[in-house]
Amino acid sequence: MNLGESQEMYLETLYIISLQQTEVRSVDLANTMGFSRPSVSRAVNNLKTDGLIAIQSDNTLLLTEKGLHIAQKVYDRHITLKNILIEMGVSEETADEDACRIEHVISDESFDAICSHFGIQK
């Protein structure tokens, strides 16, 4: 499944929030991402339709197995790329911003080659 950058960002953000708190709701995504509640509601419903998240009866959001796999992959790429950039002398703020952009467009082949080059086990 080829997802767009926006969908990947929602999944990654949901994953990150879920690492910090036990329950995640759409309002948490809206607050963290700086988006309006209606925009988040549309995106959440699309992710639900695509089978990437589940909405519980109490309106908490859960990543499905498929959604969790994608979220963890994007998050792992972000952290790995950010750390490589910092190691290369890029400021932490710039490395974080650049990693956020790169993580969505880099191919598996290129990411694996970068990891191999820097001796990072995946």
C-alpha atoms as a PDB file:
ATOM      1  CA  MET A   1       0.000   0.000   0.000  1.00  0.00           C
ATOM      2  CA  ASN A   2       1.452   3.342  -1.059  1.00  0.00           C
ATOM      3  CA  LEU A   3       0.441   6.023   1.383  1.00  0.00           C
ATOM      4  CA  GLY A   4       0.883   9.733   1.008  1.00  0.00           C
ATOM      5  CA  GLU A   5       3.062  11.824   3.288  1.00  0.00           C
ATOM      6  CA  SER A   6       0.014  13.129   5.149  1.00  0.00           C
ATOM      7  CA  GLN A   7      -1.273   9.648   5.969  1.00  0.00           C
ATOM      8  CA  GLU A   8       2.171   8.559   7.116  1.00  0.00           C
ATOM      9  CA  MET A   9       2.450  11.641   9.328  1.00  0.00           C
ATOM     10  CA  TYR A  10      -0.882  10.882  10.991  1.00  0.00           C
ATOM     11  CA  LEU A  11       0.159   7.284  11.657  1.00  0.00           C
ATOM     12  CA  GLU A  12       3.576   8.299  12.953  1.00  0.00           C
ATOM     13  CA  THR A  13       2.097  10.998  15.191  1.00  0.00           C
ATOM     14  CA  LEU A  14      -0.503   8.596  16.557  1.00  0.00           C
ATOM     15  CA  TYR A  15       2.292   6.129  17.285  1.00  0.00           C
ATOM     16  CA  ILE A  16       4.447   8.736  19.043  1.00  0.00           C
ATOM     17  CA  ILE A  17       1.545   9.958  21.176  1.00  0.00           C
ATOM     18  CA  SER A  18       0.675   6.364  22.080  1.00  0.00           C
ATOM     19  CA  LEU A  19       4.211   5.916  23.425  1.00  0.00           C
ATOM     20  CA  GLN A  20       3.603   8.811  25.810  1.00  0.00           C
ATOM     21  CA  GLN A  21       0.019   8.193  26.945  1.00  0.00           C
ATOM     22  CA  THR A  22      -2.328   5.231  27.172  1.00  0.00           C
ATOM     23  CA  GLU A  23      -5.252   6.703  25.242  1.00  0.00           C
ATOM     24  CA  VAL A  24      -5.137   8.766  22.054  1.00  0.00           C
ATOM     25  CA  ARG A  25      -8.054  10.703  20.623  1.00  0.00           C
ATOM     26  CA  SER A  26      -8.470  12.824  17.514  1.00  0.00           C
ATOM     27  CA  VAL A  27      -8.099  15.974  19.613  1.00  0.00           C
ATOM     28  CA  ASP A  28      -4.621  14.787  20.640  1.00  0.00           C
ATOM     29  CA  LEU A  29      -3.655  14.488  16.983  1.00  0.00           C
ATOM     30  CA  ALA A  30      -5.122  17.918  16.236  1.00  0.00           C
ATOM     31  CA  ASN A  31      -3.224  19.528  19.112  1.00  0.00           C
ATOM     32  CA  THR A  32       0.068  17.807  18.326  1.00  0.00           C
ATOM     33  CA  MET A  33      -0.052  18.367  14.579  1.00  0.00           C
ATOM     34  CA  GLY A  34      -1.578  21.843  14.715  1.00  0.00           C
ATOM     35  CA  PHE A  35      -4.486  20.888  12.441  1.00  0.00           C
ATOM     36  CA  SER A  36      -8.162  21.693  12.826  1.00  0.00           C
ATOM     37  CA  ARG A  37     -10.428  19.080  14.367  1.00  0.00           C
ATOM     38  CA  PRO A  38     -12.493  18.722  11.153  1.00  0.00           C
ATOM     39  CA  SER A  39      -9.317  18.064   9.124  1.00  0.00           C
ATOM     40  CA  VAL A  40      -8.163  15.461  11.621  1.00  0.00           C
ATOM     41  CA  SER A  41     -11.612  13.878  11.673  1.00  0.00           C
ATOM     42  CA  ARG A  42     -11.551  13.428   7.885  1.00  0.00           C
ATOM     43  CA  ALA A  43      -8.050  11.976   7.967  1.00  0.00           C
ATOM     44  CA  VAL A  44      -8.911   9.613  10.833  1.00  0.00           C
ATOM     45  CA  ASN A  45     -11.972   8.352   8.985  1.00  0.00           C
ATOM     46  CA  ASN A  46      -9.872   7.747   5.856  1.00  0.00           C
ATOM     47  CA  LEU A  47      -7.280   5.843   7.878  1.00  0.00           C
ATOM     48  CA  LYS A  48     -10.070   3.784   9.431  1.00  0.00           C
ATOM     49  CA  THR A  49     -11.515   3.029   5.983  1.00  0.00           C
ATOM     50  CA  ASP A  50      -8.052   1.929   4.833  1.00  0.00           C
ATOM     51  CA  GLY A  51      -7.803  -0.454   7.801  1.00  0.00           C
ATOM     52  CA  LEU A  52      -4.875   1.387   9.388  1.00  0.00           C
ATOM     53  CA  ILE A  53      -6.569   2.487  12.597  1.00  0.00           C
ATOM     54  CA  ALA A  54      -9.550   1.453  14.679  1.00  0.00           C
ATOM     55  CA  ILE A  55     -11.838   3.811  16.546  1.00  0.00           C
ATOM     56  CA  GLN A  56     -12.993   2.382  19.870  1.00  0.00           C
ATOM     57  CA  SER A  57     -16.438   2.976  21.402  1.00  0.00           C
ATOM     58  CA  ASP A  58     -14.911   5.628  23.699  1.00  0.00           C
ATOM     59  CA  ASN A  59     -13.438   7.395  20.620  1.00  0.00           C
ATOM     60  CA  THR A  60      -9.871   6.375  21.383  1.00  0.00           C
ATOM     61  CA  LEU A  61      -7.735   5.601  18.360  1.00  0.00           C
ATOM     62  CA  LEU A  62      -5.707   2.430  17.974  1.00  0.00           C
ATOM     63  CA  LEU A  63      -3.290   1.491  15.239  1.00  0.00           C
ATOM     64  CA  THR A  64      -4.165  -1.780  13.549  1.00  0.00           C
ATOM     65  CA  GLU A  65      -1.384  -4.277  12.936  1.00  0.00           C
ATOM     66  CA  LYS A  66      -0.949  -2.876   9.432  1.00  0.00           C
ATOM     67  CA  GLY A  67      -1.052   0.725  10.683  1.00  0.00           C
ATOM     68  CA  LEU A  68       1.404  -0.023  13.480  1.00  0.00           C
ATOM     69  CA  HIS A  69       3.848  -1.591  11.020  1.00  0.00           C
ATOM     70  CA  ILE A  70       3.769   1.508   8.814  1.00  0.00           C
ATOM     71  CA  ALA A  71       3.977   3.931  11.765  1.00  0.00           C
ATOM     72  CA  GLN A  72       6.970   2.130  13.260  1.00  0.00           C
ATOM     73  CA  LYS A  73       8.727   2.035   9.888  1.00  0.00           C
ATOM     74  CA  VAL A  74       8.274   5.779   9.349  1.00  0.00           C
ATOM     75  CA  TYR A  75       9.295   6.561  12.931  1.00  0.00           C
ATOM     76  CA  ASP A  76      12.372   4.334  12.674  1.00  0.00           C
ATOM     77  CA  ARG A  77      13.408   6.068   9.459  1.00  0.00           C
ATOM     78  CA  HIS A  78      12.943   9.454  11.096  1.00  0.00           C
ATOM     79  CA  ILE A  79      15.070   8.605  14.130  1.00  0.00           C
ATOM     80  CA  THR A  80      17.762   6.904  12.049  1.00  0.00           C
ATOM     81  CA  LEU A  81      18.024   9.712   9.499  1.00  0.00           C
ATOM     82  CA  LYS A  82      17.969  12.376  12.212  1.00  0.00           C
ATOM     83  CA  ASN A  83      20.800  10.659  14.098  1.00  0.00           C
ATOM     84  CA  ILE A  84      22.889  10.266  10.939  1.00  0.00           C
ATOM     85  CA  LEU A  85      22.461  13.937  10.088  1.00  0.00           C
ATOM     86  CA  ILE A  86      23.405  14.978  13.625  1.00  0.00           C
ATOM     87  CA  GLU A  87      26.458  12.704  13.458  1.00  0.00           C
ATOM     88  CA  MET A  88      27.430  14.472  10.239  1.00  0.00           C
ATOM     89  CA  GLY A  89      27.342  17.859  11.982  1.00  0.00           C
ATOM     90  CA  VAL A  90      23.817  19.082  11.218  1.00  0.00           C
ATOM     91  CA  SER A  91      22.088  20.911  14.068  1.00  0.00           C
ATOM     92  CA  GLU A  92      19.469  18.871  15.919  1.00  0.00           C
ATOM     93  CA  GLU A  93      16.610  21.152  14.840  1.00  0.00           C
ATOM     94  CA  THR A  94      17.572  21.050  11.162  1.00  0.00           C
ATOM     95  CA  ALA A  95      18.253  17.309  11.309  1.00  0.00           C
ATOM     96  CA  ASP A  96      14.794  16.716  12.782  1.00  0.00           C
ATOM     97  CA  GLU A  97      13.080  18.861  10.128  1.00  0.00           C
ATOM     98  CA  ASP A  98      15.029  17.304   7.252  1.00  0.00           C
ATOM     99  CA  ALA A  99      14.529  13.752   8.519  1.00  0.00           C
ATOM    100  CA  CYS A 100      10.795  14.437   8.679  1.00  0.00           C
ATOM    101  CA  ARG A 101      10.775  15.313   4.986  1.00  0.00           C
ATOM    102  CA  ILE A 102      13.179  12.603   3.818  1.00  0.00           C
ATOM    103  CA  GLU A 103      11.457   9.741   5.692  1.00  0.00           C
ATOM    104  CA  HIS A 104       8.444   9.944   3.379  1.00  0.00           C
ATOM    105  CA  VAL A 105      10.207   9.918   0.025  1.00  0.00           C
ATOM    106  CA  ILE A 106      13.269   7.724   0.448  1.00  0.00           C
ATOM    107  CA  SER A 107      13.068   4.268  -1.094  1.00  0.00           C
ATOM    108  CA  ASP A 108      13.646   1.106   0.910  1.00  0.00           C
ATOM    109  CA  GLU A 109      16.711   0.427  -1.229  1.00  0.00           C
ATOM    110  CA  SER A 110      18.294   3.831  -0.517  1.00  0.00           C
ATOM    111  CA  PHE A 111      17.442   3.717   3.180  1.00  0.00           C
ATOM    112  CA  ASP A 112      18.923   0.231   3.490  1.00  0.00           C
ATOM    113  CA  ALA A 113      22.068   1.381   1.647  1.00  0.00           C
ATOM    114  CA  ILE A 114      22.466   4.366   3.988  1.00  0.00           C
ATOM    115  CA  CYS A 115      22.053   2.107   7.016  1.00  0.00           C
ATOM    116  CA  SER A 116      24.580  -0.337   5.595  1.00  0.00           C
ATOM    117  CA  HIS A 117      27.049   2.442   4.852  1.00  0.00           C
ATOM    118  CA  PHE A 118      26.846   3.748   8.414  1.00  0.00           C
ATOM    119  CA  GLY A 119      26.868   0.245   9.931  1.00  0.00           C
ATOM    120  CA  ILE A 120      23.326   0.506  11.278  1.00  0.00           C
ATOM    121  CA  GLN A 121      21.599  -2.846  11.767  1.00  0.00           C
ATOM    122  CA  LYS A 122      17.926  -2.949  10.768  1.00  0.00           C
END
